[in-house]
Amino acid sequence: MLARQCSYTLQGTEPLHAHIVVNPTGLLEVDIVEKNQHFTSDFEHVYFKRGEECMQLVCEQSEDAPEQQVSLSLQRRDAFELYQMIDDAKEELECLLCDL
């Protein structure tokens, strides 16, 4: 089980870059490079919302801001790629736990 890493340019008025680590233990870690922000969220608190021109990655109950949501605007293909990585990590963890 290895963590998967990816970097995306966020959609919006100012170009921001997100470095995302999909940890197979069930955590999503996000660093917003330009704003020097870092947050972590469980897979169970991560979902995607469809926007008009992009997809919103919504992380609830992040470690740094409990009871708040962090929303990132991703291009559709980036959101789909990230969704696949999260889904693969969930399946990998489930298989490992079943084998134990």
Protein backbone atom coordinates (compact mmCIF):
# COMPACT_ATOMS: atom_id res chain seq x y z
CA MET A 1 0.00 0.00 0.00
CA LEU A 2 1.56 3.20 -1.18
CA ALA A 3 0.32 6.75 -0.93
CA ARG A 4 -0.58 8.29 -4.27
CA GLN A 5 0.36 11.89 -4.98
CA CYS A 6 -0.97 14.34 -7.53
CA SER A 7 -0.89 18.08 -8.19
CA TYR A 8 -3.65 20.14 -9.73
CA THR A 9 -4.20 23.74 -10.74
CA LEU A 10 -7.37 24.95 -9.06
CA GLN A 11 -10.03 26.80 -11.02
CA GLY A 12 -10.87 30.32 -9.90
CA THR A 13 -9.88 33.96 -10.10
CA GLU A 14 -6.30 33.35 -9.01
CA PRO A 15 -4.32 30.32 -10.12
CA LEU A 16 -3.63 28.19 -7.05
CA HIS A 17 -1.91 24.83 -6.96
CA ALA A 18 -3.02 21.92 -4.79
CA HIS A 19 -0.70 19.07 -3.94
CA ILE A 20 -2.83 16.11 -2.85
CA VAL A 21 -1.79 12.87 -1.18
CA VAL A 22 -4.25 9.96 -1.17
CA ASN A 23 -3.16 7.90 1.80
CA PRO A 24 -4.37 4.29 1.64
CA THR A 25 -5.16 4.36 5.35
CA GLY A 26 -8.21 6.48 4.52
CA LEU A 27 -6.86 10.02 4.63
CA LEU A 28 -6.73 12.75 2.02
CA GLU A 29 -4.03 15.37 2.62
CA VAL A 30 -4.13 18.66 0.71
CA ASP A 31 -1.54 21.43 0.53
CA ILE A 32 -2.41 24.72 -1.14
CA VAL A 33 1.06 25.87 -2.10
CA GLU A 34 0.49 29.62 -2.61
CA LYS A 35 -1.51 30.05 0.59
CA ASN A 36 0.71 27.78 2.69
CA GLN A 37 -2.40 25.87 3.82
CA HIS A 38 -2.58 22.22 4.78
CA PHE A 39 -5.59 20.15 5.77
CA THR A 40 -6.43 16.50 6.22
CA SER A 41 -9.78 14.77 5.88
CA ASP A 42 -11.02 11.18 6.14
CA PHE A 43 -12.31 9.61 2.94
CA GLU A 44 -15.70 9.37 4.64
CA HIS A 45 -15.85 13.18 4.80
CA VAL A 46 -14.82 13.82 1.19
CA TYR A 47 -17.24 14.17 -1.69
CA PHE A 48 -17.54 15.77 -5.11
CA LYS A 49 -20.18 18.26 -6.27
CA ARG A 50 -20.89 19.13 -9.85
CA GLY A 51 -20.52 22.78 -10.75
CA GLU A 52 -21.33 24.62 -13.96
CA GLU A 53 -17.78 24.69 -15.29
CA CYS A 54 -15.86 22.55 -12.83
CA MET A 55 -16.18 19.99 -10.06
CA GLN A 56 -16.01 20.91 -6.38
CA LEU A 57 -13.96 18.72 -4.08
CA VAL A 58 -15.56 19.18 -0.65
CA CYS A 59 -13.76 18.03 2.49
CA GLU A 60 -15.80 18.16 5.68
CA GLN A 61 -14.43 18.19 9.23
CA SER A 62 -10.85 18.78 8.23
CA GLU A 63 -8.29 18.33 10.98
CA ASP A 64 -7.29 22.01 10.96
CA ALA A 65 -10.83 23.37 10.90
CA PRO A 66 -13.30 21.07 12.65
CA GLU A 67 -16.94 21.49 11.71
CA GLN A 68 -16.02 23.43 8.58
CA GLN A 69 -15.88 22.59 4.93
CA VAL A 70 -13.05 23.19 2.53
CA SER A 71 -14.06 23.34 -1.12
CA LEU A 72 -11.64 23.21 -4.06
CA SER A 73 -12.58 23.78 -7.70
CA LEU A 74 -11.04 21.18 -9.99
CA GLN A 75 -11.26 20.60 -13.71
CA ARG A 76 -13.58 17.69 -14.44
CA ARG A 77 -10.83 15.35 -15.65
CA ASP A 78 -8.73 16.12 -12.55
CA ALA A 79 -11.70 15.44 -10.28
CA PHE A 80 -12.38 12.14 -12.02
CA GLU A 81 -8.73 11.12 -11.69
CA LEU A 82 -8.74 12.00 -7.98
CA TYR A 83 -12.03 10.15 -7.46
CA GLN A 84 -10.49 7.04 -9.06
CA MET A 85 -7.43 7.28 -6.80
CA ILE A 86 -9.60 7.55 -3.69
CA ASP A 87 -11.80 4.66 -4.85
CA ASP A 88 -8.75 2.48 -5.56
CA ALA A 89 -7.29 3.28 -2.14
CA LYS A 90 -10.59 2.33 -0.45
CA GLU A 91 -10.68 -1.00 -2.28
CA GLU A 92 -7.04 -1.69 -1.47
CA LEU A 93 -7.63 -1.02 2.23
CA GLU A 94 -10.78 -3.16 2.25
CA CYS A 95 -8.92 -6.08 0.64
CA LEU A 96 -6.09 -5.78 3.14
CA LEU A 97 -8.49 -5.73 6.09
CA CYS A 98 -10.35 -8.77 4.74
CA ASP A 99 -7.08 -10.67 4.44
CA LEU A 100 -6.29 -10.01 8.09
